[in-house]
Amino acid sequence: MIHRSHAFTLIRKENIEPTAFAPLLADRLVATTSSVHAAAAQLADGDCTRGVVSNLAMQIAGNATLLRTAEEQGVSAELLTPYPALMERLLGDGRGNESTTGVVGLPAL
């Protein structure tokens, strides 16, 4: 839901009709559903490095681009910043080769 809201906010500055954008966004969201099964398997066996396609270090780099895009367009990134902060904690613990599944169960600071 958060990424959906942020995506629709970003297109407003580009004069893209939300109804024209919706199919593209929906396809992207559907494409990510298979990751749910991979995350469940990683959690079940405790190996967050198994089957990783885009590791944590790559995800953090991608998030930097997303946050910069929001800033450039004057769009609040408040919806997005908590998750990268969790990923940064994992990276700081030397877990950059894992998937983002490792954020599950992180203790509160």
PDB file of N, CA and C in Angstrom:
ATOM      1  N   MET A   1       0.805  -1.188   0.000  1.00  0.00           N
ATOM      2  CA  MET A   1       0.000   0.000   0.000  1.00  0.00           C
ATOM      3  C   MET A   1       0.856   1.263   0.000  1.00  0.00           C
ATOM      4  N   ILE A   2       1.954   1.221   0.743  1.00  0.00           N
ATOM      5  CA  ILE A   2       2.806   2.403   0.828  1.00  0.00           C
ATOM      6  C   ILE A   2       3.418   2.718  -0.523  1.00  0.00           C
ATOM      7  N   HIS A   3       3.995   1.719  -1.173  1.00  0.00           N
ATOM      8  CA  HIS A   3       4.624   1.969  -2.463  1.00  0.00           C
ATOM      9  C   HIS A   3       3.587   2.393  -3.507  1.00  0.00           C
ATOM     10  N   ARG A   4       2.394   1.846  -3.411  1.00  0.00           N
ATOM     11  CA  ARG A   4       1.327   2.240  -4.339  1.00  0.00           C
ATOM     12  C   ARG A   4       1.026   3.719  -4.177  1.00  0.00           C
ATOM     13  N   SER A   5       0.852   4.162  -2.957  1.00  0.00           N
ATOM     14  CA  SER A   5       0.557   5.577  -2.702  1.00  0.00           C
ATOM     15  C   SER A   5       1.685   6.466  -3.185  1.00  0.00           C
ATOM     16  N   HIS A   6       2.912   6.053  -2.931  1.00  0.00           N
ATOM     17  CA  HIS A   6       4.056   6.852  -3.347  1.00  0.00           C
ATOM     18  C   HIS A   6       4.151   6.911  -4.874  1.00  0.00           C
ATOM     19  N   ALA A   7       3.912   5.786  -5.538  1.00  0.00           N
ATOM     20  CA  ALA A   7       3.964   5.763  -7.000  1.00  0.00           C
ATOM     21  C   ALA A   7       2.934   6.711  -7.609  1.00  0.00           C
ATOM     22  N   PHE A   8       1.720   6.687  -7.090  1.00  0.00           N
ATOM     23  CA  PHE A   8       0.696   7.594  -7.614  1.00  0.00           C
ATOM     24  C   PHE A   8       1.055   9.054  -7.327  1.00  0.00           C
ATOM     25  N   THR A   9       1.702   9.309  -6.215  1.00  0.00           N
ATOM     26  CA  THR A   9       2.122  10.671  -5.909  1.00  0.00           C
ATOM     27  C   THR A   9       3.184  11.139  -6.893  1.00  0.00           C
ATOM     28  N   LEU A  10       4.146  10.274  -7.219  1.00  0.00           N
ATOM     29  CA  LEU A  10       5.213  10.654  -8.143  1.00  0.00           C
ATOM     30  C   LEU A  10       4.693  10.988  -9.535  1.00  0.00           C
ATOM     31  N   ILE A  11       3.677  10.289 -10.004  1.00  0.00           N
ATOM     32  CA  ILE A  11       3.209  10.549 -11.374  1.00  0.00           C
ATOM     33  C   ILE A  11       2.423  11.848 -11.500  1.00  0.00           C
ATOM     34  N   ARG A  12       1.958  12.390 -10.395  1.00  0.00           N
ATOM     35  CA  ARG A  12       1.168  13.631 -10.451  1.00  0.00           C
ATOM     36  C   ARG A  12       1.959  14.765 -11.083  1.00  0.00           C
ATOM     37  N   LYS A  13       3.245  14.850 -10.775  1.00  0.00           N
ATOM     38  CA  LYS A  13       4.090  15.918 -11.327  1.00  0.00           C
ATOM     39  C   LYS A  13       4.402  15.684 -12.806  1.00  0.00           C
ATOM     40  N   GLU A  14       4.150  14.492 -13.285  1.00  0.00           N
ATOM     41  CA  GLU A  14       4.464  14.144 -14.670  1.00  0.00           C
ATOM     42  C   GLU A  14       3.245  14.226 -15.584  1.00  0.00           C
ATOM     43  N   ASN A  15       2.116  14.655 -15.038  1.00  0.00           N
ATOM     44  CA  ASN A  15       0.873  14.754 -15.807  1.00  0.00           C
ATOM     45  C   ASN A  15       0.485  13.435 -16.465  1.00  0.00           C
ATOM     46  N   ILE A  16       0.669  12.360 -15.726  1.00  0.00           N
ATOM     47  CA  ILE A  16       0.268  11.034 -16.185  1.00  0.00           C
ATOM     48  C   ILE A  16      -1.075  10.722 -15.543  1.00  0.00           C
ATOM     49  N   GLU A  17      -2.005  10.285 -16.336  1.00  0.00           N
ATOM     50  CA  GLU A  17      -3.322   9.931 -15.816  1.00  0.00           C
ATOM     51  C   GLU A  17      -3.218   8.697 -14.930  1.00  0.00           C
ATOM     52  N   PRO A  18      -3.753   8.761 -13.722  1.00  0.00           N
ATOM     53  CA  PRO A  18      -3.692   7.600 -12.828  1.00  0.00           C
ATOM     54  C   PRO A  18      -4.284   6.335 -13.449  1.00  0.00           C
ATOM     55  N   THR A  19      -5.339   6.478 -14.221  1.00  0.00           N
ATOM     56  CA  THR A  19      -5.955   5.294 -14.831  1.00  0.00           C
ATOM     57  C   THR A  19      -5.073   4.696 -15.921  1.00  0.00           C
ATOM     58  N   ALA A  20      -4.232   5.507 -16.555  1.00  0.00           N
ATOM     59  CA  ALA A  20      -3.292   4.994 -17.550  1.00  0.00           C
ATOM     60  C   ALA A  20      -2.102   4.314 -16.866  1.00  0.00           C
ATOM     61  N   PHE A  21      -1.732   4.819 -15.703  1.00  0.00           N
ATOM     62  CA  PHE A  21      -0.602   4.280 -14.952  1.00  0.00           C
ATOM     63  C   PHE A  21      -0.966   3.004 -14.191  1.00  0.00           C
ATOM     64  N   ALA A  22      -2.197   2.882 -13.784  1.00  0.00           N
ATOM     65  CA  ALA A  22      -2.625   1.768 -12.932  1.00  0.00           C
ATOM     66  C   ALA A  22      -2.260   0.389 -13.479  1.00  0.00           C
ATOM     67  N   PRO A  23      -2.472   0.104 -14.765  1.00  0.00           N
ATOM     68  CA  PRO A  23      -2.099  -1.227 -15.258  1.00  0.00           C
ATOM     69  C   PRO A  23      -0.598  -1.525 -15.126  1.00  0.00           C
ATOM     70  N   LEU A  24       0.236  -0.517 -15.341  1.00  0.00           N
ATOM     71  CA  LEU A  24       1.681  -0.705 -15.197  1.00  0.00           C
ATOM     72  C   LEU A  24       2.047  -1.014 -13.746  1.00  0.00           C
ATOM     73  N   LEU A  25       1.460  -0.265 -12.845  1.00  0.00           N
ATOM     74  CA  LEU A  25       1.726  -0.477 -11.428  1.00  0.00           C
ATOM     75  C   LEU A  25       1.192  -1.830 -10.973  1.00  0.00           C
ATOM     76  N   ALA A  26       0.001  -2.177 -11.407  1.00  0.00           N
ATOM     77  CA  ALA A  26      -0.590  -3.464 -11.034  1.00  0.00           C
ATOM     78  C   ALA A  26       0.277  -4.619 -11.521  1.00  0.00           C
ATOM     79  N   ASP A  27       0.768  -4.528 -12.749  1.00  0.00           N
ATOM     80  CA  ASP A  27       1.644  -5.581 -13.277  1.00  0.00           C
ATOM     81  C   ASP A  27       2.901  -5.719 -12.428  1.00  0.00           C
ATOM     82  N   ARG A  28       3.448  -4.597 -12.014  1.00  0.00           N
ATOM     83  CA  ARG A  28       4.659  -4.615 -11.174  1.00  0.00           C
ATOM     84  C   ARG A  28       4.354  -5.270  -9.832  1.00  0.00           C
ATOM     85  N   LEU A  29       3.242  -4.923  -9.248  1.00  0.00           N
ATOM     86  CA  LEU A  29       2.877  -5.503  -7.950  1.00  0.00           C
ATOM     87  C   LEU A  29       2.631  -6.999  -8.063  1.00  0.00           C
ATOM     88  N   VAL A  30       1.971  -7.425  -9.119  1.00  0.00           N
ATOM     89  CA  VAL A  30       1.722  -8.854  -9.329  1.00  0.00           C
ATOM     90  C   VAL A  30       3.043  -9.591  -9.517  1.00  0.00           C
ATOM     91  N   ALA A  31       3.971  -8.999 -10.238  1.00  0.00           N
ATOM     92  CA  ALA A  31       5.260  -9.642 -10.491  1.00  0.00           C
ATOM     93  C   ALA A  31       6.045  -9.895  -9.210  1.00  0.00           C
ATOM     94  N   THR A  32       5.793  -9.103  -8.181  1.00  0.00           N
ATOM     95  CA  THR A  32       6.531  -9.273  -6.933  1.00  0.00           C
ATOM     96  C   THR A  32       5.891 -10.282  -5.983  1.00  0.00           C
ATOM     97  N   THR A  33       4.711 -10.790  -6.313  1.00  0.00           N
ATOM     98  CA  THR A  33       4.042 -11.705  -5.385  1.00  0.00           C
ATOM     99  C   THR A  33       4.782 -13.022  -5.203  1.00  0.00           C
ATOM    100  N   SER A  34       5.537 -13.454  -6.203  1.00  0.00           N
ATOM    101  CA  SER A  34       6.277 -14.708  -6.045  1.00  0.00           C
ATOM    102  C   SER A  34       7.327 -14.602  -4.952  1.00  0.00           C
ATOM    103  N   SER A  35       7.755 -13.401  -4.637  1.00  0.00           N
ATOM    104  CA  SER A  35       8.755 -13.232  -3.581  1.00  0.00           C
ATOM    105  C   SER A  35       8.202 -13.601  -2.208  1.00  0.00           C
ATOM    106  N   VAL A  36       6.899 -13.631  -2.079  1.00  0.00           N
ATOM    107  CA  VAL A  36       6.289 -14.009  -0.795  1.00  0.00           C
ATOM    108  C   VAL A  36       6.661 -15.448  -0.440  1.00  0.00           C
ATOM    109  N   HIS A  37       6.611 -16.340  -1.420  1.00  0.00           N
ATOM    110  CA  HIS A  37       6.946 -17.738  -1.177  1.00  0.00           C
ATOM    111  C   HIS A  37       8.427 -17.907  -0.856  1.00  0.00           C
ATOM    112  N   ALA A  38       9.276 -17.164  -1.556  1.00  0.00           N
ATOM    113  CA  ALA A  38      10.709 -17.226  -1.295  1.00  0.00           C
ATOM    114  C   ALA A  38      11.024 -16.721   0.109  1.00  0.00           C
ATOM    115  N   ALA A  39      10.376 -15.644   0.512  1.00  0.00           N
ATOM    116  CA  ALA A  39      10.596 -15.107   1.859  1.00  0.00           C
ATOM    117  C   ALA A  39      10.148 -16.105   2.924  1.00  0.00           C
ATOM    118  N   ALA A  40       9.015 -16.745   2.699  1.00  0.00           N
ATOM    119  CA  ALA A  40       8.529 -17.736   3.662  1.00  0.00           C
ATOM    120  C   ALA A  40       9.515 -18.889   3.796  1.00  0.00           C
ATOM    121  N   ALA A  41      10.078 -19.344   2.694  1.00  0.00           N
ATOM    122  CA  ALA A  41      11.052 -20.436   2.737  1.00  0.00           C
ATOM    123  C   ALA A  41      12.320 -20.003   3.476  1.00  0.00           C
ATOM    124  N   GLN A  42      12.760 -18.770   3.239  1.00  0.00           N
ATOM    125  CA  GLN A  42      13.939 -18.261   3.933  1.00  0.00           C
ATOM    126  C   GLN A  42      13.691 -18.170   5.432  1.00  0.00           C
ATOM    127  N   LEU A  43      12.514 -17.707   5.808  1.00  0.00           N
ATOM    128  CA  LEU A  43      12.181 -17.610   7.233  1.00  0.00           C
ATOM    129  C   LEU A  43      12.078 -18.989   7.867  1.00  0.00           C
ATOM    130  N   ALA A  44      11.537 -19.943   7.133  1.00  0.00           N
ATOM    131  CA  ALA A  44      11.363 -21.294   7.671  1.00  0.00           C
ATOM    132  C   ALA A  44      12.695 -21.963   7.970  1.00  0.00           C
ATOM    133  N   ASP A  45      13.689 -21.764   7.076  1.00  0.00           N
ATOM    134  CA  ASP A  45      14.972 -22.435   7.317  1.00  0.00           C
ATOM    135  C   ASP A  45      16.062 -21.504   7.854  1.00  0.00           C
ATOM    136  N   GLY A  46      15.735 -20.220   8.000  1.00  0.00           N
ATOM    137  CA  GLY A  46      16.682 -19.277   8.590  1.00  0.00           C
ATOM    138  C   GLY A  46      17.812 -18.845   7.670  1.00  0.00           C
ATOM    139  N   ASP A  47      17.732 -19.189   6.386  1.00  0.00           N
ATOM    140  CA  ASP A  47      18.786 -18.825   5.432  1.00  0.00           C
ATOM    141  C   ASP A  47      18.291 -17.737   4.490  1.00  0.00           C
ATOM    142  N   CYS A  48      18.605 -16.500   4.823  1.00  0.00           N
ATOM    143  CA  CYS A  48      18.160 -15.363   4.008  1.00  0.00           C
ATOM    144  C   CYS A  48      19.081 -15.098   2.830  1.00  0.00           C
ATOM    145  N   THR A  49      20.053 -15.994   2.598  1.00  0.00           N
ATOM    146  CA  THR A  49      20.918 -15.864   1.428  1.00  0.00           C
ATOM    147  C   THR A  49      20.492 -16.815   0.314  1.00  0.00           C
ATOM    148  N   ARG A  50      19.607 -17.752   0.611  1.00  0.00           N
ATOM    149  CA  ARG A  50      19.194 -18.759  -0.372  1.00  0.00           C
ATOM    150  C   ARG A  50      18.285 -18.136  -1.434  1.00  0.00           C
ATOM    151  N   GLY A  51      18.641 -18.324  -2.695  1.00  0.00           N
ATOM    152  CA  GLY A  51      17.806 -17.869  -3.801  1.00  0.00           C
ATOM    153  C   GLY A  51      17.728 -16.364  -3.975  1.00  0.00           C
ATOM    154  N   VAL A  52      18.670 -15.635  -3.439  1.00  0.00           N
ATOM    155  CA  VAL A  52      18.640 -14.174  -3.524  1.00  0.00           C
ATOM    156  C   VAL A  52      18.945 -13.718  -4.947  1.00  0.00           C
ATOM    157  N   VAL A  53      18.063 -12.893  -5.491  1.00  0.00           N
ATOM    158  CA  VAL A  53      18.248 -12.333  -6.820  1.00  0.00           C
ATOM    159  C   VAL A  53      18.791 -10.905  -6.710  1.00  0.00           C
ATOM    160  N   SER A  54      18.216 -10.142  -5.829  1.00  0.00           N
ATOM    161  CA  SER A  54      18.630  -8.760  -5.605  1.00  0.00           C
ATOM    162  C   SER A  54      18.938  -8.619  -4.119  1.00  0.00           C
ATOM    163  N   ASN A  55      20.234  -8.645  -3.788  1.00  0.00           N
ATOM    164  CA  ASN A  55      20.588  -8.669  -2.377  1.00  0.00           C
ATOM    165  C   ASN A  55      20.345  -7.322  -1.687  1.00  0.00           C
ATOM    166  N   LEU A  56      20.506  -7.347  -0.409  1.00  0.00           N
ATOM    167  CA  LEU A  56      20.228  -6.191   0.432  1.00  0.00           C
ATOM    168  C   LEU A  56      21.038  -4.965   0.005  1.00  0.00           C
ATOM    169  N   ALA A  57      22.310  -5.156  -0.295  1.00  0.00           N
ATOM    170  CA  ALA A  57      23.151  -4.033  -0.712  1.00  0.00           C
ATOM    171  C   ALA A  57      22.608  -3.398  -1.996  1.00  0.00           C
ATOM    172  N   MET A  58      22.142  -4.221  -2.929  1.00  0.00           N
ATOM    173  CA  MET A  58      21.562  -3.693  -4.171  1.00  0.00           C
ATOM    174  C   MET A  58      20.245  -2.971  -3.886  1.00  0.00           C
ATOM    175  N   GLN A  59      19.445  -3.520  -2.986  1.00  0.00           N
ATOM    176  CA  GLN A  59      18.167  -2.895  -2.637  1.00  0.00           C
ATOM    177  C   GLN A  59      18.389  -1.509  -2.024  1.00  0.00           C
ATOM    178  N   ILE A  60      19.388  -1.401  -1.177  1.00  0.00           N
ATOM    179  CA  ILE A  60      19.687  -0.109  -0.545  1.00  0.00           C
ATOM    180  C   ILE A  60      20.106   0.910  -1.597  1.00  0.00           C
ATOM    181  N   ALA A  61      20.916   0.491  -2.552  1.00  0.00           N
ATOM    182  CA  ALA A  61      21.320   1.400  -3.635  1.00  0.00           C
ATOM    183  C   ALA A  61      20.105   1.840  -4.439  1.00  0.00           C
ATOM    184  N   GLY A  62      19.204   0.917  -4.728  1.00  0.00           N
ATOM    185  CA  GLY A  62      17.983   1.258  -5.462  1.00  0.00           C
ATOM    186  C   GLY A  62      17.090   2.207  -4.686  1.00  0.00           C
ATOM    187  N   ASN A  63      17.017   2.010  -3.382  1.00  0.00           N
ATOM    188  CA  ASN A  63      16.199   2.900  -2.558  1.00  0.00           C
ATOM    189  C   ASN A  63      16.761   4.312  -2.548  1.00  0.00           C
ATOM    190  N   ALA A  64      18.067   4.442  -2.611  1.00  0.00           N
ATOM    191  CA  ALA A  64      18.666   5.779  -2.662  1.00  0.00           C
ATOM    192  C   ALA A  64      18.177   6.524  -3.898  1.00  0.00           C
ATOM    193  N   THR A  65      18.076   5.825  -5.009  1.00  0.00           N
ATOM    194  CA  THR A  65      17.575   6.443  -6.244  1.00  0.00           C
ATOM    195  C   THR A  65      16.115   6.839  -6.091  1.00  0.00           C
ATOM    196  N   LEU A  66      15.327   5.956  -5.498  1.00  0.00           N
ATOM    197  CA  LEU A  66      13.910   6.239  -5.279  1.00  0.00           C
ATOM    198  C   LEU A  66      13.728   7.466  -4.380  1.00  0.00           C
ATOM    199  N   LEU A  67      14.494   7.533  -3.313  1.00  0.00           N
ATOM    200  CA  LEU A  67      14.392   8.672  -2.392  1.00  0.00           C
ATOM    201  C   LEU A  67      14.850   9.967  -3.068  1.00  0.00           C
ATOM    202  N   ARG A  68      15.902   9.889  -3.879  1.00  0.00           N
ATOM    203  CA  ARG A  68      16.384  11.079  -4.599  1.00  0.00           C
ATOM    204  C   ARG A  68      15.335  11.558  -5.603  1.00  0.00           C
ATOM    205  N   THR A  69      14.681  10.623  -6.273  1.00  0.00           N
ATOM    206  CA  THR A  69      13.626  10.992  -7.221  1.00  0.00           C
ATOM    207  C   THR A  69      12.501  11.724  -6.504  1.00  0.00           C
ATOM    208  N   ALA A  70      12.115  11.213  -5.352  1.00  0.00           N
ATOM    209  CA  ALA A  70      11.065  11.878  -4.574  1.00  0.00           C
ATOM    210  C   ALA A  70      11.486  13.298  -4.208  1.00  0.00           C
ATOM    211  N   GLU A  71      12.710  13.449  -3.753  1.00  0.00           N
ATOM    212  CA  GLU A  71      13.203  14.773  -3.368  1.00  0.00           C
ATOM    213  C   GLU A  71      13.212  15.723  -4.566  1.00  0.00           C
ATOM    214  N   GLU A  72      13.692  15.233  -5.699  1.00  0.00           N
ATOM    215  CA  GLU A  72      13.753  16.062  -6.903  1.00  0.00           C
ATOM    216  C   GLU A  72      12.370  16.526  -7.345  1.00  0.00           C
ATOM    217  N   GLN A  73      11.360  15.709  -7.097  1.00  0.00           N
ATOM    218  CA  GLN A  73      10.003  16.067  -7.503  1.00  0.00           C
ATOM    219  C   GLN A  73       9.217  16.753  -6.386  1.00  0.00           C
ATOM    220  N   GLY A  74       9.854  16.978  -5.255  1.00  0.00           N
ATOM    221  CA  GLY A  74       9.178  17.646  -4.151  1.00  0.00           C
ATOM    222  C   GLY A  74       8.104  16.793  -3.500  1.00  0.00           C
ATOM    223  N   VAL A  75       8.298  15.477  -3.536  1.00  0.00           N
ATOM    224  CA  VAL A  75       7.333  14.537  -2.972  1.00  0.00           C
ATOM    225  C   VAL A  75       7.881  14.001  -1.649  1.00  0.00           C
ATOM    226  N   SER A  76       7.060  13.973  -0.636  1.00  0.00           N
ATOM    227  CA  SER A  76       7.484  13.450   0.654  1.00  0.00           C
ATOM    228  C   SER A  76       7.868  11.984   0.542  1.00  0.00           C
ATOM    229  N   ALA A  77       8.980  11.630   1.156  1.00  0.00           N
ATOM    230  CA  ALA A  77       9.433  10.237   1.188  1.00  0.00           C
ATOM    231  C   ALA A  77       9.169   9.610   2.549  1.00  0.00           C
ATOM    232  N   GLU A  78       8.371  10.268   3.372  1.00  0.00           N
ATOM    233  CA  GLU A  78       8.106   9.779   4.723  1.00  0.00           C
ATOM    234  C   GLU A  78       7.507   8.379   4.748  1.00  0.00           C
ATOM    235  N   LEU A  79       6.740   8.036   3.706  1.00  0.00           N
ATOM    236  CA  LEU A  79       6.156   6.696   3.650  1.00  0.00           C
ATOM    237  C   LEU A  79       7.212   5.625   3.414  1.00  0.00           C
ATOM    238  N   LEU A  80       8.324   6.008   2.814  1.00  0.00           N
ATOM    239  CA  LEU A  80       9.332   5.043   2.397  1.00  0.00           C
ATOM    240  C   LEU A  80      10.511   4.893   3.343  1.00  0.00           C
ATOM    241  N   THR A  81      10.839   5.903   4.092  1.00  0.00           N
ATOM    242  CA  THR A  81      12.100   5.908   4.840  1.00  0.00           C
ATOM    243  C   THR A  81      12.217   4.888   5.976  1.00  0.00           C
ATOM    244  N   PRO A  82      11.149   4.460   6.627  1.00  0.00           N
ATOM    245  CA  PRO A  82      11.361   3.475   7.700  1.00  0.00           C
ATOM    246  C   PRO A  82      11.958   2.149   7.224  1.00  0.00           C
ATOM    247  N   TYR A  83      11.519   1.652   6.075  1.00  0.00           N
ATOM    248  CA  TYR A  83      11.996   0.365   5.591  1.00  0.00           C
ATOM    249  C   TYR A  83      13.487   0.399   5.218  1.00  0.00           C
ATOM    250  N   PRO A  84      13.946   1.392   4.456  1.00  0.00           N
ATOM    251  CA  PRO A  84      15.390   1.457   4.187  1.00  0.00           C
ATOM    252  C   PRO A  84      16.225   1.569   5.464  1.00  0.00           C
ATOM    253  N   ALA A  85      15.672   2.216   6.496  1.00  0.00           N
ATOM    254  CA  ALA A  85      16.411   2.316   7.756  1.00  0.00           C
ATOM    255  C   ALA A  85      16.624   0.920   8.355  1.00  0.00           C
ATOM    256  N   LEU A  86      15.620   0.061   8.247  1.00  0.00           N
ATOM    257  CA  LEU A  86      15.767  -1.316   8.725  1.00  0.00           C
ATOM    258  C   LEU A  86      16.806  -2.064   7.891  1.00  0.00           C
ATOM    259  N   MET A  87      16.757  -1.866   6.589  1.00  0.00           N
ATOM    260  CA  MET A  87      17.721  -2.520   5.711  1.00  0.00           C
ATOM    261  C   MET A  87      19.141  -2.044   6.011  1.00  0.00           C
ATOM    262  N   GLU A  88      19.306  -0.775   6.309  1.00  0.00           N
ATOM    263  CA  GLU A  88      20.619  -0.225   6.655  1.00  0.00           C
ATOM    264  C   GLU A  88      21.158  -0.895   7.921  1.00  0.00           C
ATOM    265  N   ARG A  89      20.280  -1.201   8.865  1.00  0.00           N
ATOM    266  CA  ARG A  89      20.715  -1.903  10.085  1.00  0.00           C
ATOM    267  C   ARG A  89      21.300  -3.267   9.732  1.00  0.00           C
ATOM    268  N   LEU A  90      20.641  -3.991   8.845  1.00  0.00           N
ATOM    269  CA  LEU A  90      21.152  -5.298   8.434  1.00  0.00           C
ATOM    270  C   LEU A  90      22.497  -5.156   7.720  1.00  0.00           C
ATOM    271  N   LEU A  91      22.593  -4.172   6.838  1.00  0.00           N
ATOM    272  CA  LEU A  91      23.833  -3.937   6.118  1.00  0.00           C
ATOM    273  C   LEU A  91      24.960  -3.632   7.100  1.00  0.00           C
ATOM    274  N   GLY A  92      24.661  -2.822   8.104  1.00  0.00           N
ATOM    275  CA  GLY A  92      25.639  -2.490   9.133  1.00  0.00           C
ATOM    276  C   GLY A  92      26.104  -3.700   9.924  1.00  0.00           C
ATOM    277  N   ASP A  93      25.267  -4.725   9.961  1.00  0.00           N
ATOM    278  CA  ASP A  93      25.618  -5.978  10.641  1.00  0.00           C
ATOM    279  C   ASP A  93      26.347  -6.942   9.712  1.00  0.00           C
ATOM    280  N   GLY A  94      26.724  -6.459   8.513  1.00  0.00           N
ATOM    281  CA  GLY A  94      27.455  -7.292   7.570  1.00  0.00           C
ATOM    282  C   GLY A  94      26.605  -8.297   6.821  1.00  0.00           C
ATOM    283  N   ARG A  95      25.310  -7.998   6.677  1.00  0.00           N
ATOM    284  CA  ARG A  95      24.389  -8.939   6.045  1.00  0.00           C
ATOM    285  C   ARG A  95      23.951  -8.479   4.651  1.00  0.00           C
ATOM    286  N   GLY A  96      24.808  -7.776   3.937  1.00  0.00           N
ATOM    287  CA  GLY A  96      24.479  -7.218   2.633  1.00  0.00           C
ATOM    288  C   GLY A  96      24.201  -8.237   1.549  1.00  0.00           C
ATOM    289  N   ASN A  97      24.630  -9.489   1.747  1.00  0.00           N
ATOM    290  CA  ASN A  97      24.404 -10.527   0.736  1.00  0.00           C
ATOM    291  C   ASN A  97      23.060 -11.229   0.906  1.00  0.00           C
ATOM    292  N   GLU A  98      22.307 -10.855   1.921  1.00  0.00           N
ATOM    293  CA  GLU A  98      21.007 -11.466   2.179  1.00  0.00           C
ATOM    294  C   GLU A  98      19.907 -10.762   1.388  1.00  0.00           C
ATOM    295  N   SER A  99      18.715 -11.355   1.441  1.00  0.00           N
ATOM    296  CA  SER A  99      17.530 -10.696   0.913  1.00  0.00           C
ATOM    297  C   SER A  99      17.013  -9.729   1.972  1.00  0.00           C
ATOM    298  N   THR A 100      15.979  -8.999   1.632  1.00  0.00           N
ATOM    299  CA  THR A 100      15.378  -8.084   2.608  1.00  0.00           C
ATOM    300  C   THR A 100      14.535  -8.821   3.646  1.00  0.00           C
ATOM    301  N   THR A 101      14.380 -10.131   3.491  1.00  0.00           N
ATOM    302  CA  THR A 101      13.610 -10.917   4.458  1.00  0.00           C
ATOM    303  C   THR A 101      14.182 -10.791   5.855  1.00  0.00           C
ATOM    304  N   GLY A 102      15.457 -10.503   5.957  1.00  0.00           N
ATOM    305  CA  GLY A 102      16.105 -10.382   7.250  1.00  0.00           C
ATOM    306  C   GLY A 102      15.524  -9.296   8.152  1.00  0.00           C
ATOM    307  N   VAL A 103      14.754  -8.358   7.582  1.00  0.00           N
ATOM    308  CA  VAL A 103      14.166  -7.320   8.431  1.00  0.00           C
ATOM    309  C   VAL A 103      13.047  -7.895   9.315  1.00  0.00           C
ATOM    310  N   VAL A 104      12.543  -9.065   8.939  1.00  0.00           N
ATOM    311  CA  VAL A 104      11.492  -9.698   9.739  1.00  0.00           C
ATOM    312  C   VAL A 104      12.080 -10.101  11.078  1.00  0.00           C
ATOM    313  N   GLY A 105      11.496  -9.616  12.125  1.00  0.00           N
ATOM    314  CA  GLY A 105      11.937  -9.974  13.465  1.00  0.00           C
ATOM    315  C   GLY A 105      13.079  -9.147  14.026  1.00  0.00           C
ATOM    316  N   LEU A 106      13.475  -8.092  13.316  1.00  0.00           N
ATOM    317  CA  LEU A 106      14.514  -7.233  13.888  1.00  0.00           C
ATOM    318  C   LEU A 106      14.001  -6.637  15.187  1.00  0.00           C
ATOM    319  N   PRO A 107      14.819  -6.657  16.228  1.00  0.00           N
ATOM    320  CA  PRO A 107      14.368  -6.078  17.494  1.00  0.00           C
ATOM    321  C   PRO A 107      14.293  -4.549  17.402  1.00  0.00           C
ATOM    322  N   ALA A 108      13.434  -3.981  18.195  1.00  0.00           N
ATOM    323  CA  ALA A 108      13.316  -2.523  18.251  1.00  0.00           C
ATOM    324  C   ALA A 108      14.598  -1.941  18.828  1.00  0.00           C
ATOM    325  N   LEU A 109      14.911  -0.742  18.408  1.00  0.00           N
ATOM    326  CA  LEU A 109      16.102  -0.062  18.952  1.00  0.00           C
ATOM    327  C   LEU A 109      15.761   0.594  20.251  1.00  0.00           C
TER     328      LEU A 109
END
